[in-house]
Each structure stands twice: as C-alpha cells, then as structure tokens.
Amino acid sequence: MSKLASFRKTNLDDAGSRLQDNVANVFNSLQNIAILDGNLITATIGTTSTPVAHKLGRPCRGYIVCGSTSYGVLKTATTPSIDLNLIINLQSSVSGTFTLWVF
C-alpha cells in the first residue's frame, strides 16, 4: 500500500482526484529508485580491505564518494565470510577519510 494513502482527500471533484492520483503515482515511483534509499557515512579507509558499516540493513547496491581527505581511488574489496547486510569492504589506493553515499 502506498505511504501516501493516509493523505488522500475524499471530497474532490474529478480534476482534483486525477491530480491527486498523478501525484501519488509520481511519489510511489520515486520510492522504487534504489539510489534514494541510502545513508551518508564517513569512514577512514586504508590501503587494505577495510570493513565499513553501511547501516542499510540489506546488502549495499553501490556507493558514491561525496568527499575525501586524500586523492585516493576507492574500490570494493572482496573478503569472504562477512555479513553483507551490515558491512561493505572497501579499499583505497591511499589511506584517508571518505564521505560516502551508500545505497
């Protein structure tokens, strides 16, 4: 069920009902965009595999670097036996503190 269902007005004319339905459709489609469902985190990442808690409660689909204290190249490191619902393993070419949007 839509999160907007509780905001629906019942006494609208046809134009108002169509407008309300169209707005609800747009907002419902926005809820399905993966990149919007994320967290902004700051983590110190080294040159070896560094576990970072992403706080999503599900596997991370990706990340965007929003800022850093160094000019390092960041990549996802592969490490077995980790809980992908809690952690993403990252590795940088240069150690530094990175601000990431994880989604």
Protein backbone atom coordinates (compact mmCIF):
# COMPACT_ATOMS: atom_id res chain seq x y z
CA MET A 1 0.00 0.00 0.00
CA SER A 2 1.18 3.50 -0.74
CA LYS A 3 2.66 5.62 2.01
CA LEU A 4 0.50 8.45 0.65
CA ALA A 5 -2.78 6.63 1.28
CA SER A 6 -3.31 8.41 4.62
CA PHE A 7 -3.11 11.81 2.92
CA ARG A 8 -5.84 11.20 0.36
CA LYS A 9 -8.79 13.58 0.35
CA THR A 10 -12.16 12.01 -0.36
CA ASN A 11 -14.28 15.01 -1.33
CA LEU A 12 -12.63 16.16 -4.55
CA ASP A 13 -14.01 16.91 -7.97
CA ASP A 14 -12.78 14.89 -10.98
CA ALA A 15 -9.84 17.23 -11.71
CA GLY A 16 -8.74 17.15 -8.07
CA SER A 17 -8.96 13.36 -7.97
CA ARG A 18 -6.90 13.00 -11.16
CA LEU A 19 -4.29 15.42 -9.82
CA GLN A 20 -4.11 13.54 -6.54
CA ASP A 21 -3.77 10.20 -8.35
CA ASN A 22 -0.99 11.54 -10.60
CA VAL A 23 0.94 12.99 -7.66
CA ALA A 24 0.59 9.70 -5.77
CA ASN A 25 1.88 7.77 -8.83
CA VAL A 26 4.94 10.01 -9.09
CA PHE A 27 5.79 9.69 -5.40
CA ASN A 28 5.23 5.92 -5.47
CA SER A 29 7.62 5.58 -8.41
CA LEU A 30 10.24 7.66 -6.55
CA GLN A 31 10.10 5.19 -3.67
CA ASN A 32 11.43 2.48 -6.02
CA ILE A 33 14.60 4.34 -7.05
CA ALA A 34 17.48 2.49 -5.39
CA ILE A 35 19.86 5.42 -5.09
CA LEU A 36 17.41 7.38 -2.93
CA ASP A 37 17.29 4.63 -0.30
CA GLY A 38 20.68 5.18 1.30
CA ASN A 39 22.84 6.64 4.05
CA LEU A 40 25.57 9.24 4.17
CA ILE A 41 28.53 7.81 6.09
CA THR A 42 32.08 8.89 6.87
CA ALA A 43 34.78 6.23 7.21
CA THR A 44 38.55 6.01 7.40
CA ILE A 45 39.62 3.58 4.68
CA GLY A 46 43.10 2.12 4.31
CA THR A 47 45.09 0.53 1.53
CA THR A 48 43.97 -2.94 2.59
CA SER A 49 40.44 -4.30 2.82
CA THR A 50 38.60 -2.14 5.36
CA PRO A 51 35.16 -3.19 6.67
CA VAL A 52 32.73 -0.26 6.79
CA ALA A 53 29.31 -0.42 8.45
CA HIS A 54 26.80 0.94 5.94
CA LYS A 55 23.73 0.80 8.25
CA LEU A 56 21.32 -0.18 5.45
CA GLY A 57 20.04 -3.44 6.93
CA ARG A 58 20.41 -5.09 3.50
CA PRO A 59 23.26 -5.65 1.05
CA CYS A 60 24.72 -2.41 -0.32
CA ARG A 61 23.97 -1.86 -4.03
CA GLY A 62 26.65 0.77 -4.52
CA TYR A 63 28.23 3.96 -3.25
CA ILE A 64 29.16 7.44 -4.39
CA VAL A 65 32.19 9.27 -2.99
CA CYS A 66 30.97 12.69 -1.80
CA GLY A 67 34.21 13.87 -0.25
CA SER A 68 37.63 12.75 0.95
CA THR A 69 40.77 13.91 2.72
CA SER A 70 43.00 12.32 0.08
CA TYR A 71 43.09 11.78 -3.67
CA GLY A 72 42.74 8.02 -3.48
CA VAL A 73 40.89 5.68 -5.78
CA LEU A 74 38.25 3.74 -3.88
CA LYS A 75 37.15 0.22 -4.80
CA THR A 76 35.10 -2.59 -3.32
CA ALA A 77 37.35 -5.26 -1.83
CA THR A 78 36.33 -8.89 -1.86
CA THR A 79 36.52 -10.59 1.52
CA PRO A 80 34.74 -13.86 2.30
CA SER A 81 32.71 -14.50 5.44
CA ILE A 82 31.27 -11.05 6.03
CA ASP A 83 27.66 -10.08 6.64
CA LEU A 84 26.78 -8.00 3.57
CA ASN A 85 23.64 -6.77 5.35
CA LEU A 86 25.88 -4.84 7.75
CA ILE A 87 29.26 -4.26 6.11
CA ILE A 88 30.85 -3.30 2.82
CA ASN A 89 34.58 -3.90 2.39
CA LEU A 90 36.38 -1.00 0.77
CA GLN A 91 39.98 -0.40 -0.21
CA SER A 92 41.68 2.83 -1.24
CA SER A 93 44.87 3.46 -3.19
CA VAL A 94 45.79 6.00 -0.46
CA SER A 95 44.60 5.92 3.16
CA GLY A 96 42.15 8.64 4.03
CA THR A 97 38.75 9.60 5.37
CA PHE A 98 35.93 9.34 2.85
CA THR A 99 32.35 10.57 2.94
CA LEU A 100 30.15 8.17 1.02
CA TRP A 101 26.52 7.95 -0.03
CA VAL A 102 25.80 4.21 0.23
CA PHE A 103 22.65 2.79 -1.30
